[in-house]
Amino acid sequence: MRRTLTAFFEDYGTAAETVRRLEGAGISYRDISLVANAARPHEIVPQGTTEDGTTGAAGGAAAGGAIGGGLGLLAGLGVIAVPGLGPVVAAGWLA
């Protein structure tokens, strides 16, 4: 059974210390979320971890761009191959 606990802290230092204590108690950093207002970005990534969101985001953006570009190319070639419609679509930007 999963449980969700929520807490509010007056300052970031107290919240970060609580996260360290939770990790020390055996709770994985993957199961802990910390939302902060005006915190410095380097403080948000848990210490001792090698993961951060930018690595996954960059890979996802590259894969999405490649897949989207390839599908767009195929769709465009498919429309151009339609007799009668293809030349109109291909020359549309000239009009």
N, C-alpha and C. Protein backbone atom coordinates (compact mmCIF):
# COMPACT_ATOMS: atom_id res chain seq x y z
N MET A 1 0.84 -1.18 0.00
CA MET A 1 0.00 0.00 0.00
C MET A 1 0.89 1.24 0.00
N ARG A 2 0.64 2.12 -0.95
CA ARG A 2 1.40 3.36 -1.03
C ARG A 2 0.74 4.43 -0.19
N ARG A 3 1.56 5.25 0.42
CA ARG A 3 1.06 6.37 1.21
C ARG A 3 1.70 7.64 0.69
N THR A 4 0.94 8.70 0.72
CA THR A 4 1.45 10.00 0.31
C THR A 4 1.46 10.91 1.53
N LEU A 5 2.59 11.47 1.80
CA LEU A 5 2.74 12.42 2.90
C LEU A 5 3.06 13.78 2.32
N THR A 6 2.49 14.81 2.90
CA THR A 6 2.72 16.17 2.45
C THR A 6 3.15 17.01 3.64
N ALA A 7 4.12 17.87 3.44
CA ALA A 7 4.58 18.75 4.52
C ALA A 7 4.95 20.11 3.93
N PHE A 8 4.81 21.13 4.73
CA PHE A 8 5.19 22.49 4.35
C PHE A 8 6.31 22.95 5.27
N PHE A 9 7.31 23.63 4.71
CA PHE A 9 8.45 24.10 5.47
C PHE A 9 8.63 25.59 5.24
N GLU A 10 9.16 26.26 6.22
CA GLU A 10 9.38 27.71 6.14
C GLU A 10 10.56 28.07 5.24
N ASP A 11 11.56 27.19 5.17
CA ASP A 11 12.73 27.50 4.36
C ASP A 11 13.23 26.22 3.68
N TYR A 12 14.02 26.43 2.63
CA TYR A 12 14.50 25.31 1.82
C TYR A 12 15.44 24.42 2.60
N GLY A 13 16.26 24.99 3.46
CA GLY A 13 17.23 24.20 4.22
C GLY A 13 16.57 23.14 5.08
N THR A 14 15.48 23.48 5.72
CA THR A 14 14.75 22.52 6.55
C THR A 14 14.15 21.42 5.69
N ALA A 15 13.60 21.80 4.54
CA ALA A 15 13.02 20.80 3.63
C ALA A 15 14.11 19.87 3.10
N ALA A 16 15.26 20.41 2.73
CA ALA A 16 16.36 19.58 2.22
C ALA A 16 16.87 18.63 3.29
N GLU A 17 16.94 19.10 4.52
CA GLU A 17 17.37 18.24 5.63
C GLU A 17 16.37 17.09 5.83
N THR A 18 15.10 17.38 5.70
CA THR A 18 14.07 16.34 5.83
C THR A 18 14.22 15.30 4.73
N VAL A 19 14.52 15.75 3.51
CA VAL A 19 14.73 14.81 2.40
C VAL A 19 15.94 13.92 2.71
N ARG A 20 17.02 14.50 3.22
CA ARG A 20 18.20 13.71 3.58
C ARG A 20 17.87 12.68 4.67
N ARG A 21 17.05 13.06 5.63
CA ARG A 21 16.66 12.14 6.70
C ARG A 21 15.77 11.01 6.15
N LEU A 22 14.89 11.34 5.22
CA LEU A 22 14.06 10.30 4.60
C LEU A 22 14.92 9.31 3.82
N GLU A 23 15.90 9.83 3.07
CA GLU A 23 16.81 8.94 2.34
C GLU A 23 17.61 8.09 3.31
N GLY A 24 18.02 8.67 4.44
CA GLY A 24 18.76 7.92 5.45
C GLY A 24 17.91 6.83 6.10
N ALA A 25 16.60 7.02 6.08
CA ALA A 25 15.69 6.03 6.65
C ALA A 25 15.36 4.92 5.65
N GLY A 26 15.96 5.00 4.46
CA GLY A 26 15.77 3.92 3.48
C GLY A 26 14.75 4.21 2.39
N ILE A 27 14.22 5.41 2.34
CA ILE A 27 13.26 5.76 1.28
C ILE A 27 14.06 6.25 0.08
N SER A 28 13.78 5.66 -1.07
CA SER A 28 14.51 6.01 -2.29
C SER A 28 14.23 7.45 -2.70
N TYR A 29 15.26 8.12 -3.23
CA TYR A 29 15.07 9.49 -3.70
C TYR A 29 14.06 9.55 -4.83
N ARG A 30 13.84 8.43 -5.52
CA ARG A 30 12.86 8.39 -6.60
C ARG A 30 11.43 8.48 -6.08
N ASP A 31 11.24 8.21 -4.82
CA ASP A 31 9.91 8.26 -4.21
C ASP A 31 9.67 9.56 -3.47
N ILE A 32 10.60 10.50 -3.54
CA ILE A 32 10.49 11.76 -2.82
C ILE A 32 10.41 12.89 -3.83
N SER A 33 9.44 13.79 -3.65
CA SER A 33 9.33 14.98 -4.49
C SER A 33 9.45 16.20 -3.61
N LEU A 34 10.14 17.20 -4.12
CA LEU A 34 10.31 18.44 -3.38
C LEU A 34 9.98 19.58 -4.32
N VAL A 35 9.01 20.38 -3.95
CA VAL A 35 8.63 21.54 -4.74
C VAL A 35 9.04 22.76 -3.95
N ALA A 36 9.82 23.65 -4.58
CA ALA A 36 10.32 24.82 -3.86
C ALA A 36 10.07 26.07 -4.68
N ASN A 37 9.95 27.16 -3.99
CA ASN A 37 9.78 28.45 -4.62
C ASN A 37 11.09 29.22 -4.50
N ALA A 38 11.63 29.65 -5.60
CA ALA A 38 12.85 30.46 -5.65
C ALA A 38 14.07 29.72 -5.09
N ALA A 39 14.12 28.41 -5.28
CA ALA A 39 15.32 27.65 -4.88
C ALA A 39 16.33 27.70 -6.00
N ARG A 40 17.58 27.61 -5.65
CA ARG A 40 18.62 27.56 -6.68
C ARG A 40 18.55 26.19 -7.35
N PRO A 41 18.66 26.12 -8.70
CA PRO A 41 18.49 24.86 -9.41
C PRO A 41 19.41 23.74 -8.94
N HIS A 42 20.65 24.06 -8.54
CA HIS A 42 21.57 22.99 -8.14
C HIS A 42 21.15 22.35 -6.82
N GLU A 43 20.29 22.98 -6.06
CA GLU A 43 19.86 22.41 -4.80
C GLU A 43 18.74 21.39 -4.98
N ILE A 44 18.07 21.41 -6.11
CA ILE A 44 16.91 20.56 -6.31
C ILE A 44 17.32 19.13 -6.66
N VAL A 45 18.40 18.93 -7.37
CA VAL A 45 18.86 17.58 -7.72
C VAL A 45 19.43 16.93 -6.46
N PRO A 46 18.91 15.75 -6.08
CA PRO A 46 19.39 15.10 -4.85
C PRO A 46 20.89 14.83 -4.90
N GLN A 47 21.56 15.02 -3.78
CA GLN A 47 22.99 14.77 -3.74
C GLN A 47 23.26 13.28 -3.84
N GLY A 48 24.34 12.93 -4.49
CA GLY A 48 24.72 11.53 -4.63
C GLY A 48 24.05 10.84 -5.79
N THR A 49 23.28 11.55 -6.58
CA THR A 49 22.62 10.93 -7.73
C THR A 49 23.33 11.38 -9.00
N THR A 50 23.21 10.58 -10.02
CA THR A 50 23.81 10.94 -11.30
C THR A 50 22.76 11.34 -12.31
N GLU A 51 21.49 11.27 -11.92
CA GLU A 51 20.42 11.59 -12.85
C GLU A 51 19.96 13.03 -12.65
N ASP A 52 19.58 13.65 -13.70
CA ASP A 52 18.83 14.89 -13.61
C ASP A 52 17.92 14.95 -14.83
N GLY A 53 16.93 15.79 -14.77
CA GLY A 53 15.91 15.84 -15.81
C GLY A 53 16.40 16.32 -17.16
N THR A 54 17.50 17.06 -17.21
CA THR A 54 17.94 17.61 -18.48
C THR A 54 18.45 16.53 -19.42
N THR A 55 19.05 15.47 -18.89
CA THR A 55 19.56 14.40 -19.74
C THR A 55 18.42 13.70 -20.46
N GLY A 56 17.39 13.34 -19.73
CA GLY A 56 16.23 12.67 -20.33
C GLY A 56 15.47 13.58 -21.27
N ALA A 57 15.37 14.86 -20.91
CA ALA A 57 14.63 15.80 -21.75
C ALA A 57 15.35 16.00 -23.09
N ALA A 58 16.66 16.09 -23.07
CA ALA A 58 17.41 16.28 -24.32
C ALA A 58 17.26 15.06 -25.23
N GLY A 59 17.34 13.88 -24.66
CA GLY A 59 17.17 12.66 -25.46
C GLY A 59 15.77 12.55 -26.03
N GLY A 60 14.78 12.90 -25.22
CA GLY A 60 13.39 12.86 -25.68
C GLY A 60 13.12 13.88 -26.78
N ALA A 61 13.69 15.06 -26.64
CA ALA A 61 13.51 16.09 -27.66
C ALA A 61 14.15 15.67 -28.98
N ALA A 62 15.33 15.07 -28.91
CA ALA A 62 16.01 14.63 -30.13
C ALA A 62 15.23 13.51 -30.81
N ALA A 63 14.77 12.54 -30.02
CA ALA A 63 14.00 11.43 -30.60
C ALA A 63 12.68 11.92 -31.18
N GLY A 64 12.00 12.80 -30.46
CA GLY A 64 10.73 13.34 -30.94
C GLY A 64 10.89 14.14 -32.22
N GLY A 65 11.95 14.92 -32.29
CA GLY A 65 12.22 15.70 -33.50
C GLY A 65 12.51 14.82 -34.69
N ALA A 66 13.30 13.77 -34.47
CA ALA A 66 13.65 12.87 -35.57
C ALA A 66 12.41 12.09 -36.05
N ILE A 67 11.63 11.58 -35.12
CA ILE A 67 10.44 10.82 -35.50
C ILE A 67 9.41 11.72 -36.16
N GLY A 68 9.17 12.89 -35.58
CA GLY A 68 8.20 13.83 -36.15
C GLY A 68 8.62 14.31 -37.54
N GLY A 69 9.91 14.60 -37.70
CA GLY A 69 10.40 15.04 -39.00
C GLY A 69 10.27 13.95 -40.05
N GLY A 70 10.59 12.71 -39.66
CA GLY A 70 10.46 11.59 -40.60
C GLY A 70 9.02 11.34 -41.01
N LEU A 71 8.11 11.38 -40.03
CA LEU A 71 6.69 11.17 -40.36
C LEU A 71 6.14 12.31 -41.22
N GLY A 72 6.58 13.53 -40.93
CA GLY A 72 6.15 14.67 -41.75
C GLY A 72 6.65 14.55 -43.19
N LEU A 73 7.87 14.09 -43.34
CA LEU A 73 8.42 13.89 -44.68
C LEU A 73 7.62 12.83 -45.44
N LEU A 74 7.34 11.72 -44.78
CA LEU A 74 6.57 10.66 -45.43
C LEU A 74 5.16 11.13 -45.79
N ALA A 75 4.53 11.88 -44.91
CA ALA A 75 3.19 12.40 -45.20
C ALA A 75 3.23 13.36 -46.40
N GLY A 76 4.25 14.21 -46.44
CA GLY A 76 4.38 15.14 -47.56
C GLY A 76 4.62 14.43 -48.87
N LEU A 77 5.46 13.40 -48.85
CA LEU A 77 5.71 12.64 -50.08
C LEU A 77 4.46 11.90 -50.52
N GLY A 78 3.67 11.44 -49.55
CA GLY A 78 2.42 10.75 -49.89
C GLY A 78 1.43 11.66 -50.58
N VAL A 79 1.33 12.91 -50.13
CA VAL A 79 0.40 13.86 -50.74
C VAL A 79 0.88 14.23 -52.14
N ILE A 80 2.17 14.40 -52.31
CA ILE A 80 2.69 14.79 -53.62
C ILE A 80 2.48 13.67 -54.65
N ALA A 81 2.42 12.43 -54.20
CA ALA A 81 2.25 11.30 -55.12
C ALA A 81 0.82 11.18 -55.63
N VAL A 82 -0.14 11.90 -55.07
CA VAL A 82 -1.54 11.81 -55.51
C VAL A 82 -1.68 12.55 -56.84
N PRO A 83 -2.15 11.85 -57.88
CA PRO A 83 -2.30 12.49 -59.19
C PRO A 83 -3.28 13.67 -59.14
N GLY A 84 -2.91 14.77 -59.73
CA GLY A 84 -3.77 15.94 -59.77
C GLY A 84 -3.60 16.84 -58.55
N LEU A 85 -3.41 16.26 -57.40
CA LEU A 85 -3.27 17.05 -56.17
C LEU A 85 -1.81 17.34 -55.88
N GLY A 86 -0.94 16.43 -56.22
CA GLY A 86 0.48 16.58 -55.92
C GLY A 86 1.10 17.85 -56.46
N PRO A 87 0.94 18.14 -57.76
CA PRO A 87 1.53 19.38 -58.30
C PRO A 87 0.97 20.64 -57.66
N VAL A 88 -0.30 20.61 -57.30
CA VAL A 88 -0.91 21.80 -56.66
C VAL A 88 -0.28 22.02 -55.27
N VAL A 89 -0.12 20.93 -54.53
CA VAL A 89 0.49 21.04 -53.19
C VAL A 89 1.94 21.46 -53.32
N ALA A 90 2.67 20.88 -54.26
CA ALA A 90 4.09 21.18 -54.41
C ALA A 90 4.31 22.62 -54.83
N ALA A 91 3.45 23.17 -55.65
CA ALA A 91 3.61 24.55 -56.14
C ALA A 91 2.84 25.54 -55.31
N GLY A 92 2.18 25.10 -54.26
CA GLY A 92 1.35 25.99 -53.45
C GLY A 92 2.09 27.17 -52.88
N TRP A 93 3.32 26.98 -52.48
CA TRP A 93 4.08 28.08 -51.88
C TRP A 93 4.45 29.14 -52.91
N LEU A 94 4.44 28.78 -54.20
CA LEU A 94 4.75 29.75 -55.25
C LEU A 94 3.59 30.73 -55.46
N ALA A 95 2.39 30.26 -55.20
CA ALA A 95 1.20 31.11 -55.40
C ALA A 95 1.22 32.19 -54.34
